[in-house]
Amino acid sequence: MIKKTITEIEQEYELELDSIIKKTKERKAKTILLQFPDGLKPYAKVIVDELERKSEKHGIKAEFFIWMGSCFGACDIPNIKDIDLLVQFGHTPWKSRNNRGF
């Protein structure tokens, strides 16, 4: 497996980490479950490390958990209790050619 930095990962995927931090703060979430498709699972720890760094920078005390089970799309939601926020990532690069999202 080729190791990548968060900068290299973000060049390929729009992870929207700042949006996750914003939602975490808005909802006062303390436990966040991150669900990755197989294509992004190798980078899960790098992404969590960056989210932890950004959380600390914004004074947010939260724990990030990685769901390593299946992820077959937005309808495949883990049945886990005591999670304040669930974040699902996709691994298809969604780069719009016409800036309208399609």
Protein backbone atom coordinates (compact mmCIF):
# COMPACT_ATOMS: atom_id res chain seq x y z
CA MET A 1 0.00 0.00 0.00
CA ILE A 2 1.23 3.46 -0.89
CA LYS A 3 1.11 5.85 2.06
CA LYS A 4 -0.35 9.27 1.35
CA THR A 5 -0.43 12.50 3.30
CA ILE A 6 -3.68 14.31 3.97
CA THR A 7 -2.66 16.88 1.33
CA GLU A 8 -2.25 14.14 -1.28
CA ILE A 9 -5.59 12.57 -0.35
CA GLU A 10 -7.38 15.92 -0.51
CA GLN A 11 -5.98 16.55 -3.99
CA GLU A 12 -7.86 13.48 -5.17
CA TYR A 13 -11.00 13.60 -2.99
CA GLU A 14 -13.17 16.39 -1.65
CA LEU A 15 -13.29 15.23 1.95
CA GLU A 16 -14.91 18.41 3.31
CA LEU A 17 -13.14 18.05 6.64
CA ASP A 18 -13.92 21.65 7.61
CA SER A 19 -17.64 20.86 7.17
CA ILE A 20 -17.28 17.90 9.51
CA ILE A 21 -15.63 20.10 12.11
CA LYS A 22 -18.38 22.71 11.70
CA LYS A 23 -21.15 20.09 12.15
CA THR A 24 -19.33 18.57 15.12
CA LYS A 25 -19.22 21.98 16.77
CA GLU A 26 -22.83 22.88 15.87
CA ARG A 27 -24.19 19.62 17.26
CA LYS A 28 -21.78 19.55 20.20
CA ALA A 29 -20.98 16.01 19.12
CA LYS A 30 -18.63 14.08 21.35
CA THR A 31 -18.63 10.78 19.44
CA ILE A 32 -18.33 10.78 15.66
CA LEU A 33 -18.46 7.62 13.58
CA LEU A 34 -16.73 7.78 10.21
CA GLN A 35 -17.88 5.31 7.57
CA PHE A 36 -15.53 4.77 4.64
CA PRO A 37 -15.98 2.80 1.44
CA ASP A 38 -13.30 0.19 0.72
CA GLY A 39 -11.41 2.58 -1.57
CA LEU A 40 -10.86 5.09 1.26
CA LYS A 41 -10.38 2.70 4.19
CA PRO A 42 -6.58 2.58 3.69
CA TYR A 43 -6.53 6.34 4.38
CA ALA A 44 -8.95 6.33 7.32
CA LYS A 45 -6.26 6.82 9.99
CA VAL A 46 -4.69 9.75 8.12
CA ILE A 47 -8.13 11.37 7.81
CA VAL A 48 -8.92 10.80 11.50
CA ASP A 49 -5.55 12.26 12.50
CA GLU A 50 -6.36 15.41 10.51
CA LEU A 51 -9.86 15.66 12.02
CA GLU A 52 -8.39 15.32 15.51
CA ARG A 53 -5.83 18.03 14.73
CA LYS A 54 -8.53 20.37 13.40
CA SER A 55 -10.82 19.62 16.36
CA GLU A 56 -8.10 20.45 18.84
CA LYS A 57 -7.36 23.68 16.96
CA HIS A 58 -11.04 24.68 17.31
CA GLY A 59 -11.28 23.65 20.97
CA ILE A 60 -13.53 20.67 20.24
CA LYS A 61 -13.23 17.60 22.44
CA ALA A 62 -14.54 14.69 20.44
CA GLU A 63 -13.67 11.08 19.70
CA PHE A 64 -13.59 9.82 16.14
CA PHE A 65 -14.34 6.17 15.46
CA ILE A 66 -13.73 4.32 12.20
CA TRP A 67 -16.41 1.91 10.97
CA MET A 68 -14.58 -0.95 9.29
CA GLY A 69 -17.71 -2.88 8.37
CA SER A 70 -19.48 -2.75 5.04
CA CYS A 71 -20.40 0.46 3.27
CA PHE A 72 -22.57 0.01 0.21
CA GLY A 73 -23.81 3.58 -0.09
CA ALA A 74 -25.82 6.12 1.88
CA CYS A 75 -28.50 3.59 2.82
CA ASP A 76 -25.96 1.30 4.54
CA ILE A 77 -26.03 2.90 7.99
CA PRO A 78 -24.33 1.13 10.91
CA ASN A 79 -26.68 0.24 13.75
CA ILE A 80 -24.64 1.61 16.62
CA LYS A 81 -25.90 3.37 19.73
CA ASP A 82 -24.32 6.31 21.51
CA ILE A 83 -22.96 8.01 18.41
CA ASP A 84 -23.66 11.73 18.14
CA LEU A 85 -22.73 12.13 14.48
CA LEU A 86 -22.31 9.73 11.55
CA VAL A 87 -20.19 10.84 8.60
CA GLN A 88 -20.26 8.78 5.43
CA PHE A 89 -17.52 9.24 2.88
CA GLY A 90 -17.67 8.33 -0.80
CA HIS A 91 -14.64 7.38 -2.84
CA THR A 92 -15.72 8.55 -6.27
CA PRO A 93 -14.07 11.87 -7.12
CA TRP A 94 -17.02 14.24 -7.64
CA LYS A 95 -15.42 16.95 -9.70
CA SER A 96 -18.15 18.85 -11.52
CA ARG A 97 -17.39 19.87 -15.08
CA ASN A 98 -19.99 22.63 -15.12
CA ASN A 99 -20.00 23.66 -11.42
CA ARG A 100 -23.63 22.57 -11.05
CA GLY A 101 -22.90 19.26 -9.37
CA PHE A 102 -23.69 17.09 -12.40
